[in-house]
PDB file of N, CA and C in Angstrom:
ATOM      1  N   MET A   1      15.749 -12.371 -27.389  1.00  0.00           N
ATOM      2  CA  MET A   1      14.320 -12.300 -27.062  1.00  0.00           C
ATOM      3  C   MET A   1      14.202 -12.476 -25.533  1.00  0.00           C
ATOM      4  N   PRO A   2      13.512 -11.606 -24.840  1.00  0.00           N
ATOM      5  CA  PRO A   2      13.385 -11.705 -23.369  1.00  0.00           C
ATOM      6  C   PRO A   2      12.453 -12.926 -22.971  1.00  0.00           C
ATOM      7  N   THR A   3      12.790 -13.524 -21.894  1.00  0.00           N
ATOM      8  CA  THR A   3      11.989 -14.592 -21.391  1.00  0.00           C
ATOM      9  C   THR A   3      11.098 -14.072 -20.240  1.00  0.00           C
ATOM     10  N   THR A   4       9.915 -14.588 -20.136  1.00  0.00           N
ATOM     11  CA  THR A   4       9.070 -14.189 -19.109  1.00  0.00           C
ATOM     12  C   THR A   4       8.875 -15.344 -18.137  1.00  0.00           C
ATOM     13  N   LYS A   5       8.962 -15.062 -16.822  1.00  0.00           N
ATOM     14  CA  LYS A   5       8.812 -16.134 -15.862  1.00  0.00           C
ATOM     15  C   LYS A   5       7.359 -16.306 -15.536  1.00  0.00           C
ATOM     16  N   THR A   6       6.900 -17.558 -15.780  1.00  0.00           N
ATOM     17  CA  THR A   6       5.462 -17.784 -15.469  1.00  0.00           C
ATOM     18  C   THR A   6       5.418 -18.533 -14.113  1.00  0.00           C
ATOM     19  N   PRO A   7       4.353 -18.281 -13.382  1.00  0.00           N
ATOM     20  CA  PRO A   7       4.282 -18.951 -12.042  1.00  0.00           C
ATOM     21  C   PRO A   7       4.084 -20.419 -12.216  1.00  0.00           C
ATOM     22  N   ASN A   8       4.656 -21.171 -11.313  1.00  0.00           N
ATOM     23  CA  ASN A   8       4.544 -22.633 -11.308  1.00  0.00           C
ATOM     24  C   ASN A   8       3.190 -23.001 -10.707  1.00  0.00           C
ATOM     25  N   PRO A   9       2.261 -23.649 -11.449  1.00  0.00           N
ATOM     26  CA  PRO A   9       0.957 -23.961 -10.916  1.00  0.00           C
ATOM     27  C   PRO A   9       0.981 -24.955  -9.737  1.00  0.00           C
ATOM     28  N   SER A  10       2.032 -25.735  -9.613  1.00  0.00           N
ATOM     29  CA  SER A  10       2.072 -26.719  -8.562  1.00  0.00           C
ATOM     30  C   SER A  10       2.597 -26.070  -7.212  1.00  0.00           C
ATOM     31  N   ARG A  11       3.121 -24.860  -7.254  1.00  0.00           N
ATOM     32  CA  ARG A  11       3.594 -24.213  -6.022  1.00  0.00           C
ATOM     33  C   ARG A  11       2.673 -23.000  -5.765  1.00  0.00           C
ATOM     34  N   PRO A  12       1.883 -23.038  -4.686  1.00  0.00           N
ATOM     35  CA  PRO A  12       1.048 -21.861  -4.383  1.00  0.00           C
ATOM     36  C   PRO A  12       1.895 -20.691  -3.944  1.00  0.00           C
ATOM     37  N   ARG A  13       1.361 -19.517  -4.298  1.00  0.00           N
ATOM     38  CA  ARG A  13       2.136 -18.325  -3.910  1.00  0.00           C
ATOM     39  C   ARG A  13       1.901 -18.072  -2.414  1.00  0.00           C
ATOM     40  N   MET A  14       3.031 -17.749  -1.730  1.00  0.00           N
ATOM     41  CA  MET A  14       2.975 -17.517  -0.327  1.00  0.00           C
ATOM     42  C   MET A  14       2.515 -16.059  -0.031  1.00  0.00           C
ATOM     43  N   ALA A  15       1.590 -15.901   0.846  1.00  0.00           N
ATOM     44  CA  ALA A  15       1.070 -14.556   1.186  1.00  0.00           C
ATOM     45  C   ALA A  15       2.002 -13.998   2.273  1.00  0.00           C
ATOM     46  N   ALA A  16       2.149 -12.686   2.247  1.00  0.00           N
ATOM     47  CA  ALA A  16       2.940 -12.016   3.256  1.00  0.00           C
ATOM     48  C   ALA A  16       2.213 -12.095   4.589  1.00  0.00           C
ATOM     49  N   VAL A  17       2.942 -12.303   5.666  1.00  0.00           N
ATOM     50  CA  VAL A  17       2.368 -12.306   7.009  1.00  0.00           C
ATOM     51  C   VAL A  17       2.860 -11.108   7.743  1.00  0.00           C
ATOM     52  N   TYR A  18       2.034 -10.286   8.293  1.00  0.00           N
ATOM     53  CA  TYR A  18       2.440  -9.061   8.932  1.00  0.00           C
ATOM     54  C   TYR A  18       2.086  -9.222  10.440  1.00  0.00           C
ATOM     55  N   ALA A  19       3.033  -8.677  11.262  1.00  0.00           N
ATOM     56  CA  ALA A  19       2.831  -8.682  12.713  1.00  0.00           C
ATOM     57  C   ALA A  19       1.870  -7.573  13.092  1.00  0.00           C
ATOM     58  N   SER A  20       1.159  -7.788  14.165  1.00  0.00           N
ATOM     59  CA  SER A  20       0.217  -6.797  14.681  1.00  0.00           C
ATOM     60  C   SER A  20       0.958  -5.493  14.979  1.00  0.00           C
ATOM     61  N   GLY A  21       0.361  -4.357  14.568  1.00  0.00           N
ATOM     62  CA  GLY A  21       1.018  -3.048  14.724  1.00  0.00           C
ATOM     63  C   GLY A  21       1.846  -2.635  13.529  1.00  0.00           C
ATOM     64  N   THR A  22       1.992  -3.460  12.509  1.00  0.00           N
ATOM     65  CA  THR A  22       2.823  -3.125  11.363  1.00  0.00           C
ATOM     66  C   THR A  22       2.086  -1.962  10.587  1.00  0.00           C
ATOM     67  N   VAL A  23       2.829  -1.001  10.167  1.00  0.00           N
ATOM     68  CA  VAL A  23       2.339   0.150   9.413  1.00  0.00           C
ATOM     69  C   VAL A  23       2.879   0.076   8.015  1.00  0.00           C
ATOM     70  N   ARG A  24       2.042   0.249   7.036  1.00  0.00           N
ATOM     71  CA  ARG A  24       2.464   0.332   5.652  1.00  0.00           C
ATOM     72  C   ARG A  24       1.794   1.495   4.988  1.00  0.00           C
ATOM     73  N   ALA A  25       2.450   2.125   4.037  1.00  0.00           N
ATOM     74  CA  ALA A  25       1.898   3.334   3.348  1.00  0.00           C
ATOM     75  C   ALA A  25       1.978   3.091   1.834  1.00  0.00           C
ATOM     76  N   ARG A  26       0.998   3.546   1.115  1.00  0.00           N
ATOM     77  CA  ARG A  26       0.999   3.468  -0.333  1.00  0.00           C
ATOM     78  C   ARG A  26       0.271   4.710  -0.887  1.00  0.00           C
ATOM     79  N   ARG A  27       0.710   5.133  -2.040  1.00  0.00           N
ATOM     80  CA  ARG A  27       0.034   6.257  -2.728  1.00  0.00           C
ATOM     81  C   ARG A  27      -1.335   5.896  -3.259  1.00  0.00           C
ATOM     82  N   TRP A  28      -2.196   6.868  -3.186  1.00  0.00           N
ATOM     83  CA  TRP A  28      -3.580   6.686  -3.679  1.00  0.00           C
ATOM     84  C   TRP A  28      -3.537   6.978  -5.143  1.00  0.00           C
ATOM     85  N   HIS A  29      -3.814   5.971  -5.985  1.00  0.00           N
ATOM     86  CA  HIS A  29      -3.826   6.121  -7.404  1.00  0.00           C
ATOM     87  C   HIS A  29      -5.263   5.934  -7.920  1.00  0.00           C
ATOM     88  N   GLY A  30      -6.187   5.735  -7.045  1.00  0.00           N
ATOM     89  CA  GLY A  30      -7.534   5.403  -7.404  1.00  0.00           C
ATOM     90  C   GLY A  30      -8.288   6.520  -8.042  1.00  0.00           C
ATOM     91  N   GLU A  31      -9.365   6.168  -8.705  1.00  0.00           N
ATOM     92  CA  GLU A  31     -10.268   7.214  -9.247  1.00  0.00           C
ATOM     93  C   GLU A  31     -11.203   7.643  -8.207  1.00  0.00           C
ATOM     94  N   GLY A  32     -11.610   8.878  -8.272  1.00  0.00           N
ATOM     95  CA  GLY A  32     -12.580   9.342  -7.289  1.00  0.00           C
ATOM     96  C   GLY A  32     -12.103   9.761  -5.928  1.00  0.00           C
ATOM     97  N   ASP A  33     -12.956   9.693  -4.936  1.00  0.00           N
ATOM     98  CA  ASP A  33     -12.654  10.154  -3.602  1.00  0.00           C
ATOM     99  C   ASP A  33     -11.833   9.086  -2.807  1.00  0.00           C
ATOM    100  N   VAL A  34     -10.824   9.544  -2.149  1.00  0.00           N
ATOM    101  CA  VAL A  34     -10.009   8.682  -1.349  1.00  0.00           C
ATOM    102  C   VAL A  34     -10.749   8.118  -0.179  1.00  0.00           C
ATOM    103  N   ARG A  35     -11.803   8.808   0.211  1.00  0.00           N
ATOM    104  CA  ARG A  35     -12.620   8.270   1.393  1.00  0.00           C
ATOM    105  C   ARG A  35     -13.357   7.024   1.053  1.00  0.00           C
ATOM    106  N   GLY A  36     -13.432   6.637  -0.215  1.00  0.00           N
ATOM    107  CA  GLY A  36     -14.096   5.405  -0.592  1.00  0.00           C
ATOM    108  C   GLY A  36     -13.247   4.192  -0.428  1.00  0.00           C
ATOM    109  N   TYR A  37     -12.009   4.309   0.001  1.00  0.00           N
ATOM    110  CA  TYR A  37     -11.109   3.196   0.170  1.00  0.00           C
ATOM    111  C   TYR A  37     -11.506   2.326   1.366  1.00  0.00           C
ATOM    112  N   ARG A  38     -11.543   1.045   1.153  1.00  0.00           N
ATOM    113  CA  ARG A  38     -11.802   0.073   2.228  1.00  0.00           C
ATOM    114  C   ARG A  38     -10.634  -0.804   2.444  1.00  0.00           C
ATOM    115  N   PRO A  39     -10.068  -0.815   3.634  1.00  0.00           N
ATOM    116  CA  PRO A  39      -8.868  -1.663   3.883  1.00  0.00           C
ATOM    117  C   PRO A  39      -9.190  -3.143   3.839  1.00  0.00           C
ATOM    118  N   PRO A  40      -8.189  -3.948   3.645  1.00  0.00           N
ATOM    119  CA  PRO A  40      -8.359  -5.408   3.755  1.00  0.00           C
ATOM    120  C   PRO A  40      -8.727  -5.802   5.145  1.00  0.00           C
ATOM    121  N   ALA A  41      -9.325  -6.954   5.254  1.00  0.00           N
ATOM    122  CA  ALA A  41      -9.704  -7.491   6.584  1.00  0.00           C
ATOM    123  C   ALA A  41      -8.466  -7.524   7.543  1.00  0.00           C
ATOM    124  N   GLY A  42      -8.681  -7.109   8.790  1.00  0.00           N
ATOM    125  CA  GLY A  42      -7.597  -7.063   9.744  1.00  0.00           C
ATOM    126  C   GLY A  42      -6.711  -5.899   9.736  1.00  0.00           C
ATOM    127  N   TRP A  43      -7.004  -4.947   8.884  1.00  0.00           N
ATOM    128  CA  TRP A  43      -6.245  -3.698   8.778  1.00  0.00           C
ATOM    129  C   TRP A  43      -7.153  -2.534   8.992  1.00  0.00           C
ATOM    130  N   SER A  44      -6.661  -1.465   9.619  1.00  0.00           N
ATOM    131  CA  SER A  44      -7.322  -0.177   9.690  1.00  0.00           C
ATOM    132  C   SER A  44      -6.572   0.822   8.781  1.00  0.00           C
ATOM    133  N   ALA A  45      -7.253   1.790   8.286  1.00  0.00           N
ATOM    134  CA  ALA A  45      -6.588   2.697   7.307  1.00  0.00           C
ATOM    135  C   ALA A  45      -7.040   4.120   7.531  1.00  0.00           C
ATOM    136  N   GLN A  46      -6.146   5.032   7.177  1.00  0.00           N
ATOM    137  CA  GLN A  46      -6.456   6.475   7.191  1.00  0.00           C
ATOM    138  C   GLN A  46      -5.813   7.081   5.937  1.00  0.00           C
ATOM    139  N   ALA A  47      -6.474   8.100   5.420  1.00  0.00           N
ATOM    140  CA  ALA A  47      -5.896   8.860   4.283  1.00  0.00           C
ATOM    141  C   ALA A  47      -5.186  10.088   4.755  1.00  0.00           C
ATOM    142  N   ASP A  48      -4.093  10.376   4.114  1.00  0.00           N
ATOM    143  CA  ASP A  48      -3.242  11.545   4.526  1.00  0.00           C
ATOM    144  C   ASP A  48      -2.821  12.320   3.291  1.00  0.00           C
ATOM    145  N   LEU A  49      -3.144  13.594   3.210  1.00  0.00           N
ATOM    146  CA  LEU A  49      -2.690  14.468   2.087  1.00  0.00           C
ATOM    147  C   LEU A  49      -1.439  15.120   2.571  1.00  0.00           C
ATOM    148  N   THR A  50      -0.298  14.839   2.011  1.00  0.00           N
ATOM    149  CA  THR A  50       0.959  15.368   2.437  1.00  0.00           C
ATOM    150  C   THR A  50       1.947  15.633   1.349  1.00  0.00           C
ATOM    151  N   ASP A  51       2.913  16.490   1.637  1.00  0.00           N
ATOM    152  CA  ASP A  51       3.949  16.748   0.637  1.00  0.00           C
ATOM    153  C   ASP A  51       5.268  16.153   1.162  1.00  0.00           C
ATOM    154  N   ILE A  52       5.233  15.367   2.198  1.00  0.00           N
ATOM    155  CA  ILE A  52       6.373  14.657   2.741  1.00  0.00           C
ATOM    156  C   ILE A  52       6.167  13.180   2.535  1.00  0.00           C
ATOM    157  N   HIS A  53       7.145  12.507   1.911  1.00  0.00           N
ATOM    158  CA  HIS A  53       7.073  11.055   1.687  1.00  0.00           C
ATOM    159  C   HIS A  53       7.002  10.373   3.049  1.00  0.00           C
ATOM    160  N   PRO A  54       5.919   9.537   3.284  1.00  0.00           N
ATOM    161  CA  PRO A  54       5.748   8.911   4.604  1.00  0.00           C
ATOM    162  C   PRO A  54       6.809   7.873   4.951  1.00  0.00           C
ATOM    163  N   ILE A  55       7.524   7.358   4.005  1.00  0.00           N
ATOM    164  CA  ILE A  55       8.556   6.311   4.246  1.00  0.00           C
ATOM    165  C   ILE A  55       9.921   6.891   4.351  1.00  0.00           C
ATOM    166  N   THR A  56      10.289   7.724   3.331  1.00  0.00           N
ATOM    167  CA  THR A  56      11.649   8.309   3.337  1.00  0.00           C
ATOM    168  C   THR A  56      11.806   9.619   4.097  1.00  0.00           C
ATOM    169  N   GLY A  57      10.659  10.323   4.251  1.00  0.00           N
ATOM    170  CA  GLY A  57      10.740  11.614   4.905  1.00  0.00           C
ATOM    171  C   GLY A  57      11.173  12.755   3.974  1.00  0.00           C
ATOM    172  N   ARG A  58      11.452  12.465   2.745  1.00  0.00           N
ATOM    173  CA  ARG A  58      11.870  13.492   1.781  1.00  0.00           C
ATOM    174  C   ARG A  58      10.680  14.342   1.280  1.00  0.00           C
ATOM    175  N   ALA A  59      10.924  15.594   0.912  1.00  0.00           N
ATOM    176  CA  ALA A  59       9.928  16.467   0.409  1.00  0.00           C
ATOM    177  C   ALA A  59       9.530  16.032  -1.034  1.00  0.00           C
ATOM    178  N   LEU A  60       8.207  16.077  -1.295  1.00  0.00           N
ATOM    179  CA  LEU A  60       7.682  15.757  -2.622  1.00  0.00           C
ATOM    180  C   LEU A  60       7.435  17.033  -3.384  1.00  0.00           C
ATOM    181  N   PRO A  61       7.429  16.956  -4.657  1.00  0.00           N
ATOM    182  CA  PRO A  61       7.193  18.221  -5.438  1.00  0.00           C
ATOM    183  C   PRO A  61       5.814  18.811  -5.290  1.00  0.00           C
ATOM    184  N   ARG A  62       4.884  17.983  -4.908  1.00  0.00           N
ATOM    185  CA  ARG A  62       3.500  18.478  -4.688  1.00  0.00           C
ATOM    186  C   ARG A  62       2.850  17.527  -3.636  1.00  0.00           C
ATOM    187  N   ALA A  63       1.773  18.018  -3.041  1.00  0.00           N
ATOM    188  CA  ALA A  63       1.041  17.192  -2.069  1.00  0.00           C
ATOM    189  C   ALA A  63       0.236  16.075  -2.812  1.00  0.00           C
ATOM    190  N   VAL A  64       0.281  14.835  -2.275  1.00  0.00           N
ATOM    191  CA  VAL A  64      -0.458  13.727  -2.834  1.00  0.00           C
ATOM    192  C   VAL A  64      -1.161  13.011  -1.685  1.00  0.00           C
ATOM    193  N   TRP A  65      -2.136  12.224  -2.026  1.00  0.00           N
ATOM    194  CA  TRP A  65      -2.845  11.385  -1.024  1.00  0.00           C
ATOM    195  C   TRP A  65      -2.060  10.106  -0.799  1.00  0.00           C
ATOM    196  N   TRP A  66      -2.013   9.703   0.434  1.00  0.00           N
ATOM    197  CA  TRP A  66      -1.367   8.441   0.855  1.00  0.00           C
ATOM    198  C   TRP A  66      -2.404   7.687   1.695  1.00  0.00           C
ATOM    199  N   ILE A  67      -2.378   6.330   1.541  1.00  0.00           N
ATOM    200  CA  ILE A  67      -3.181   5.473   2.408  1.00  0.00           C
ATOM    201  C   ILE A  67      -2.215   4.841   3.377  1.00  0.00           C
ATOM    202  N   VAL A  68      -2.416   5.113   4.692  1.00  0.00           N
ATOM    203  CA  VAL A  68      -1.585   4.555   5.755  1.00  0.00           C
ATOM    204  C   VAL A  68      -2.378   3.511   6.449  1.00  0.00           C
ATOM    205  N   GLU A  69      -1.925   2.237   6.366  1.00  0.00           N
ATOM    206  CA  GLU A  69      -2.653   1.098   6.952  1.00  0.00           C
ATOM    207  C   GLU A  69      -1.901   0.560   8.123  1.00  0.00           C
ATOM    208  N   THR A  70      -2.656   0.213   9.175  1.00  0.00           N
ATOM    209  CA  THR A  70      -2.087  -0.437  10.367  1.00  0.00           C
ATOM    210  C   THR A  70      -2.686  -1.784  10.588  1.00  0.00           C
ATOM    211  N   LYS A  71      -1.846  -2.818  10.827  1.00  0.00           N
ATOM    212  CA  LYS A  71      -2.372  -4.174  11.091  1.00  0.00           C
ATOM    213  C   LYS A  71      -2.900  -4.238  12.462  1.00  0.00           C
ATOM    214  N   GLU A  72      -4.143  -4.749  12.585  1.00  0.00           N
ATOM    215  CA  GLU A  72      -4.754  -4.804  13.927  1.00  0.00           C
ATOM    216  C   GLU A  72      -4.307  -6.039  14.687  1.00  0.00           C
TER     217      GLU A  72
END
């Protein structure tokens, strides 16, 4: 029987800390228009429709939307 790891309530989860100028990319899986995306506080974002993976540089089978965020 597989065991599931439950978070320890006495240890708070540590948030990731990003340096200014850090760029991160993720695929848009949201419903509706990608222009409705609002980045988290302290980040700027742009949407990119591309058939090249923004991290690996490899060709994708079809063009998909990516959200590219930059830490301010």
